[in-house]
């Protein structure tokens, strides 16, 4: 977790990040470039997007 915290700090996301120690996770809004940088961090096991996708039916 500390390695990921350092990566978030390097990207300027440490003030925005919310740490969940019980889940071993961070929650943060990030750009695509920042996500790529985080994905390259060895301590990162998974990145899950918090976005709802919906399909609009055509009538």
PDB file of N, CA and C in Angstrom:
ATOM      1  N   UNK A   1       0.835  -1.193   0.000  1.00  0.00           N
ATOM      2  CA  UNK A   1       0.000   0.000   0.000  1.00  0.00           C
ATOM      3  C   UNK A   1       0.877   1.254   0.000  1.00  0.00           C
ATOM      4  N   UNK A   2       2.014   1.177   0.660  1.00  0.00           N
ATOM      5  CA  UNK A   2       2.875   2.358   0.750  1.00  0.00           C
ATOM      6  C   UNK A   2       3.471   2.702  -0.613  1.00  0.00           C
ATOM      7  N   UNK A   3       3.793   1.669  -1.398  1.00  0.00           N
ATOM      8  CA  UNK A   3       4.337   1.899  -2.741  1.00  0.00           C
ATOM      9  C   UNK A   3       3.300   2.603  -3.626  1.00  0.00           C
ATOM     10  N   UNK A   4       2.059   2.203  -3.502  1.00  0.00           N
ATOM     11  CA  UNK A   4       0.984   2.825  -4.280  1.00  0.00           C
ATOM     12  C   UNK A   4       0.741   4.246  -3.790  1.00  0.00           C
ATOM     13  N   UNK A   5       0.815   4.454  -2.482  1.00  0.00           N
ATOM     14  CA  UNK A   5       0.654   5.800  -1.928  1.00  0.00           C
ATOM     15  C   UNK A   5       1.731   6.732  -2.471  1.00  0.00           C
ATOM     16  N   UNK A   6       2.950   6.228  -2.600  1.00  0.00           N
ATOM     17  CA  UNK A   6       4.036   7.043  -3.158  1.00  0.00           C
ATOM     18  C   UNK A   6       3.786   7.361  -4.632  1.00  0.00           C
ATOM     19  N   UNK A   7       3.259   6.395  -5.383  1.00  0.00           N
ATOM     20  CA  UNK A   7       2.939   6.630  -6.794  1.00  0.00           C
ATOM     21  C   UNK A   7       1.841   7.681  -6.923  1.00  0.00           C
ATOM     22  N   UNK A   8       0.836   7.616  -6.056  1.00  0.00           N
ATOM     23  CA  UNK A   8      -0.232   8.619  -6.072  1.00  0.00           C
ATOM     24  C   UNK A   8       0.321  10.001  -5.753  1.00  0.00           C
ATOM     25  N   UNK A   9       1.247  10.061  -4.817  1.00  0.00           N
ATOM     26  CA  UNK A   9       1.866  11.343  -4.459  1.00  0.00           C
ATOM     27  C   UNK A   9       2.663  11.899  -5.638  1.00  0.00           C
ATOM     28  N   UNK A  10       3.417  11.033  -6.310  1.00  0.00           N
ATOM     29  CA  UNK A  10       4.219  11.442  -7.463  1.00  0.00           C
ATOM     30  C   UNK A  10       3.335  12.005  -8.581  1.00  0.00           C
ATOM     31  N   UNK A  11       2.117  11.454  -8.708  1.00  0.00           N
ATOM     32  CA  UNK A  11       1.183  11.906  -9.740  1.00  0.00           C
ATOM     33  C   UNK A  11       0.330  13.088  -9.288  1.00  0.00           C
ATOM     34  N   UNK A  12       0.506  13.515  -8.037  1.00  0.00           N
ATOM     35  CA  UNK A  12      -0.274  14.635  -7.520  1.00  0.00           C
ATOM     36  C   UNK A  12      -1.691  14.258  -7.135  1.00  0.00           C
ATOM     37  N   UNK A  13      -1.930  12.975  -6.899  1.00  0.00           N
ATOM     38  CA  UNK A  13      -3.267  12.493  -6.565  1.00  0.00           C
ATOM     39  C   UNK A  13      -3.434  12.175  -5.084  1.00  0.00           C
ATOM     40  N   UNK A  14      -2.394  12.378  -4.296  1.00  0.00           N
ATOM     41  CA  UNK A  14      -2.447  11.962  -2.895  1.00  0.00           C
ATOM     42  C   UNK A  14      -3.483  12.726  -2.079  1.00  0.00           C
ATOM     43  N   UNK A  15      -3.741  13.989  -2.401  1.00  0.00           N
ATOM     44  CA  UNK A  15      -4.753  14.751  -1.661  1.00  0.00           C
ATOM     45  C   UNK A  15      -6.171  14.301  -2.006  1.00  0.00           C
ATOM     46  N   UNK A  16      -6.352  13.775  -3.224  1.00  0.00           N
ATOM     47  CA  UNK A  16      -7.679  13.356  -3.679  1.00  0.00           C
ATOM     48  C   UNK A  16      -7.996  11.902  -3.335  1.00  0.00           C
ATOM     49  N   UNK A  17      -6.964  11.111  -3.110  1.00  0.00           N
ATOM     50  CA  UNK A  17      -7.143   9.673  -2.898  1.00  0.00           C
ATOM     51  C   UNK A  17      -7.748   9.373  -1.534  1.00  0.00           C
ATOM     52  N   UNK A  18      -8.635   8.388  -1.512  1.00  0.00           N
ATOM     53  CA  UNK A  18      -9.217   7.890  -0.270  1.00  0.00           C
ATOM     54  C   UNK A  18      -8.701   6.472  -0.067  1.00  0.00           C
ATOM     55  N   UNK A  19      -8.097   6.243   1.082  1.00  0.00           N
ATOM     56  CA  UNK A  19      -7.492   4.945   1.376  1.00  0.00           C
ATOM     57  C   UNK A  19      -8.459   4.084   2.183  1.00  0.00           C
ATOM     58  N   UNK A  20      -8.631   2.841   1.749  1.00  0.00           N
ATOM     59  CA  UNK A  20      -9.463   1.877   2.462  1.00  0.00           C
ATOM     60  C   UNK A  20      -8.548   0.730   2.899  1.00  0.00           C
ATOM     61  N   UNK A  21      -8.064   0.815   4.138  1.00  0.00           N
ATOM     62  CA  UNK A  21      -7.115  -0.188   4.629  1.00  0.00           C
ATOM     63  C   UNK A  21      -7.726  -1.580   4.725  1.00  0.00           C
ATOM     64  N   UNK A  22      -8.997  -1.664   5.099  1.00  0.00           N
ATOM     65  CA  UNK A  22      -9.650  -2.965   5.234  1.00  0.00           C
ATOM     66  C   UNK A  22      -9.674  -3.707   3.894  1.00  0.00           C
ATOM     67  N   UNK A  23      -9.969  -2.987   2.821  1.00  0.00           N
ATOM     68  CA  UNK A  23     -10.010  -3.590   1.487  1.00  0.00           C
ATOM     69  C   UNK A  23      -8.638  -3.598   0.819  1.00  0.00           C
ATOM     70  N   UNK A  24      -7.685  -2.854   1.374  1.00  0.00           N
ATOM     71  CA  UNK A  24      -6.369  -2.750   0.741  1.00  0.00           C
ATOM     72  C   UNK A  24      -6.469  -2.018  -0.577  1.00  0.00           C
ATOM     73  N   UNK A  25      -7.223  -0.912  -0.578  1.00  0.00           N
ATOM     74  CA  UNK A  25      -7.516  -0.224  -1.835  1.00  0.00           C
ATOM     75  C   UNK A  25      -7.473   1.288  -1.674  1.00  0.00           C
ATOM     76  N   UNK A  26      -7.334   1.952  -2.810  1.00  0.00           N
ATOM     77  CA  UNK A  26      -7.454   3.398  -2.893  1.00  0.00           C
ATOM     78  C   UNK A  26      -8.584   3.721  -3.854  1.00  0.00           C
ATOM     79  N   UNK A  27      -9.258   4.828  -3.615  1.00  0.00           N
ATOM     80  CA  UNK A  27     -10.277   5.337  -4.529  1.00  0.00           C
ATOM     81  C   UNK A  27      -9.828   6.724  -4.939  1.00  0.00           C
ATOM     82  N   UNK A  28      -9.766   6.960  -6.242  1.00  0.00           N
ATOM     83  CA  UNK A  28      -9.288   8.251  -6.733  1.00  0.00           C
ATOM     84  C   UNK A  28      -9.802   8.484  -8.146  1.00  0.00           C
ATOM     85  N   UNK A  29     -10.056   9.736  -8.486  1.00  0.00           N
ATOM     86  CA  UNK A  29     -10.369  10.098  -9.870  1.00  0.00           C
ATOM     87  C   UNK A  29      -9.050  10.382 -10.568  1.00  0.00           C
ATOM     88  N   UNK A  30      -8.858   9.787 -11.734  1.00  0.00           N
ATOM     89  CA  UNK A  30      -7.591   9.930 -12.450  1.00  0.00           C
ATOM     90  C   UNK A  30      -7.837   9.999 -13.946  1.00  0.00           C
ATOM     91  N   UNK A  31      -6.896  10.625 -14.633  1.00  0.00           N
ATOM     92  CA  UNK A  31      -6.956  10.690 -16.092  1.00  0.00           C
ATOM     93  C   UNK A  31      -6.449   9.365 -16.665  1.00  0.00           C
ATOM     94  N   UNK A  32      -6.630   9.192 -17.957  1.00  0.00           N
ATOM     95  CA  UNK A  32      -6.161   7.967 -18.614  1.00  0.00           C
ATOM     96  C   UNK A  32      -4.647   7.820 -18.471  1.00  0.00           C
ATOM     97  N   UNK A  33      -3.916   8.913 -18.612  1.00  0.00           N
ATOM     98  CA  UNK A  33      -2.455   8.868 -18.481  1.00  0.00           C
ATOM     99  C   UNK A  33      -2.047   8.490 -17.057  1.00  0.00           C
ATOM    100  N   UNK A  34      -2.755   9.018 -16.070  1.00  0.00           N
ATOM    101  CA  UNK A  34      -2.453   8.691 -14.680  1.00  0.00           C
ATOM    102  C   UNK A  34      -2.769   7.227 -14.386  1.00  0.00           C
ATOM    103  N   UNK A  35      -3.833   6.712 -14.967  1.00  0.00           N
ATOM    104  CA  UNK A  35      -4.183   5.299 -14.778  1.00  0.00           C
ATOM    105  C   UNK A  35      -3.109   4.401 -15.385  1.00  0.00           C
ATOM    106  N   UNK A  36      -2.603   4.764 -16.562  1.00  0.00           N
ATOM    107  CA  UNK A  36      -1.527   3.986 -17.177  1.00  0.00           C
ATOM    108  C   UNK A  36      -0.292   3.975 -16.282  1.00  0.00           C
ATOM    109  N   UNK A  37       0.034   5.128 -15.715  1.00  0.00           N
ATOM    110  CA  UNK A  37       1.186   5.231 -14.811  1.00  0.00           C
ATOM    111  C   UNK A  37       0.981   4.359 -13.572  1.00  0.00           C
ATOM    112  N   UNK A  38      -0.216   4.415 -13.005  1.00  0.00           N
ATOM    113  CA  UNK A  38      -0.509   3.587 -11.829  1.00  0.00           C
ATOM    114  C   UNK A  38      -0.471   2.101 -12.169  1.00  0.00           C
ATOM    115  N   UNK A  39      -0.956   1.741 -13.340  1.00  0.00           N
ATOM    116  CA  UNK A  39      -0.976   0.338 -13.755  1.00  0.00           C
ATOM    117  C   UNK A  39       0.438  -0.228 -13.862  1.00  0.00           C
ATOM    118  N   UNK A  40       1.411   0.628 -14.145  1.00  0.00           N
ATOM    119  CA  UNK A  40       2.799   0.192 -14.263  1.00  0.00           C
ATOM    120  C   UNK A  40       3.482   0.045 -12.902  1.00  0.00           C
ATOM    121  N   UNK A  41       2.824   0.472 -11.835  1.00  0.00           N
ATOM    122  CA  UNK A  41       3.381   0.356 -10.490  1.00  0.00           C
ATOM    123  C   UNK A  41       3.281  -1.102 -10.039  1.00  0.00           C
ATOM    124  N   UNK A  42       4.401  -1.706  -9.614  1.00  0.00           N
ATOM    125  CA  UNK A  42       4.391  -3.132  -9.263  1.00  0.00           C
ATOM    126  C   UNK A  42       3.377  -3.532  -8.188  1.00  0.00           C
ATOM    127  N   UNK A  43       3.053  -2.656  -7.259  1.00  0.00           N
ATOM    128  CA  UNK A  43       2.133  -3.007  -6.183  1.00  0.00           C
ATOM    129  C   UNK A  43       0.674  -3.032  -6.582  1.00  0.00           C
ATOM    130  N   UNK A  44       0.355  -2.542  -7.777  1.00  0.00           N
ATOM    131  CA  UNK A  44      -1.042  -2.488  -8.223  1.00  0.00           C
ATOM    132  C   UNK A  44      -1.448  -3.861  -8.746  1.00  0.00           C
ATOM    133  N   UNK A  45      -2.497  -4.424  -8.152  1.00  0.00           N
ATOM    134  CA  UNK A  45      -2.976  -5.738  -8.576  1.00  0.00           C
ATOM    135  C   UNK A  45      -4.173  -5.641  -9.506  1.00  0.00           C
ATOM    136  N   UNK A  46      -4.996  -4.619  -9.322  1.00  0.00           N
ATOM    137  CA  UNK A  46      -6.191  -4.466 -10.157  1.00  0.00           C
ATOM    138  C   UNK A  46      -6.617  -3.007 -10.160  1.00  0.00           C
ATOM    139  N   UNK A  47      -7.195  -2.588 -11.274  1.00  0.00           N
ATOM    140  CA  UNK A  47      -7.793  -1.260 -11.389  1.00  0.00           C
ATOM    141  C   UNK A  47      -9.220  -1.479 -11.862  1.00  0.00           C
ATOM    142  N   UNK A  48     -10.144  -1.001 -11.065  1.00  0.00           N
ATOM    143  CA  UNK A  48     -11.561  -1.155 -11.419  1.00  0.00           C
ATOM    144  C   UNK A  48     -12.152   0.219 -11.645  1.00  0.00           C
ATOM    145  N   UNK A  49     -12.762   0.395 -12.783  1.00  0.00           N
ATOM    146  CA  UNK A  49     -13.397   1.665 -13.098  1.00  0.00           C
ATOM    147  C   UNK A  49     -14.737   1.761 -12.392  1.00  0.00           C
ATOM    148  N   UNK A  50     -15.032   2.901 -11.883  1.00  0.00           N
ATOM    149  CA  UNK A  50     -16.308   3.140 -11.212  1.00  0.00           C
ATOM    150  C   UNK A  50     -17.170   3.978 -12.149  1.00  0.00           C
ATOM    151  N   UNK A  51     -17.633   3.333 -13.193  1.00  0.00           N
ATOM    152  CA  UNK A  51     -18.411   4.031 -14.213  1.00  0.00           C
ATOM    153  C   UNK A  51     -19.553   3.131 -14.639  1.00  0.00           C
ATOM    154  N   UNK A  52     -20.718   3.712 -14.716  1.00  0.00           N
ATOM    155  CA  UNK A  52     -21.887   2.964 -15.169  1.00  0.00           C
ATOM    156  C   UNK A  52     -22.029   3.135 -16.669  1.00  0.00           C
ATOM    157  N   UNK A  53     -22.149   2.027 -17.366  1.00  0.00           N
ATOM    158  CA  UNK A  53     -22.404   2.053 -18.803  1.00  0.00           C
ATOM    159  C   UNK A  53     -23.837   1.591 -19.021  1.00  0.00           C
ATOM    160  N   UNK A  54     -24.526   2.276 -19.859  1.00  0.00           N
ATOM    161  CA  UNK A  54     -25.891   1.842 -20.143  1.00  0.00           C
ATOM    162  C   UNK A  54     -26.103   1.820 -21.647  1.00  0.00           C
ATOM    163  N   UNK A  55     -26.901   0.907 -22.059  1.00  0.00           N
ATOM    164  CA  UNK A  55     -27.239   0.775 -23.466  1.00  0.00           C
ATOM    165  C   UNK A  55     -28.602   1.415 -23.682  1.00  0.00           C
ATOM    166  N   UNK A  56     -28.668   2.307 -24.620  1.00  0.00           N
ATOM    167  CA  UNK A  56     -29.933   2.965 -24.940  1.00  0.00           C
ATOM    168  C   UNK A  56     -30.591   2.166 -26.055  1.00  0.00           C
ATOM    169  N   UNK A  57     -31.803   1.687 -25.770  1.00  0.00           N
ATOM    170  CA  UNK A  57     -32.522   0.902 -26.771  1.00  0.00           C
ATOM    171  C   UNK A  57     -33.043   1.794 -27.881  1.00  0.00           C
ATOM    172  N   UNK A  58     -32.936   1.283 -29.078  1.00  0.00           N
ATOM    173  CA  UNK A  58     -33.512   1.985 -30.227  1.00  0.00           C
ATOM    174  C   UNK A  58     -34.934   1.482 -30.422  1.00  0.00           C
ATOM    175  N   UNK A  59     -35.863   2.381 -30.549  1.00  0.00           N
ATOM    176  CA  UNK A  59     -37.278   1.990 -30.713  1.00  0.00           C
ATOM    177  C   UNK A  59     -37.584   1.618 -32.132  1.00  0.00           C
TER     178      UNK A  59
END
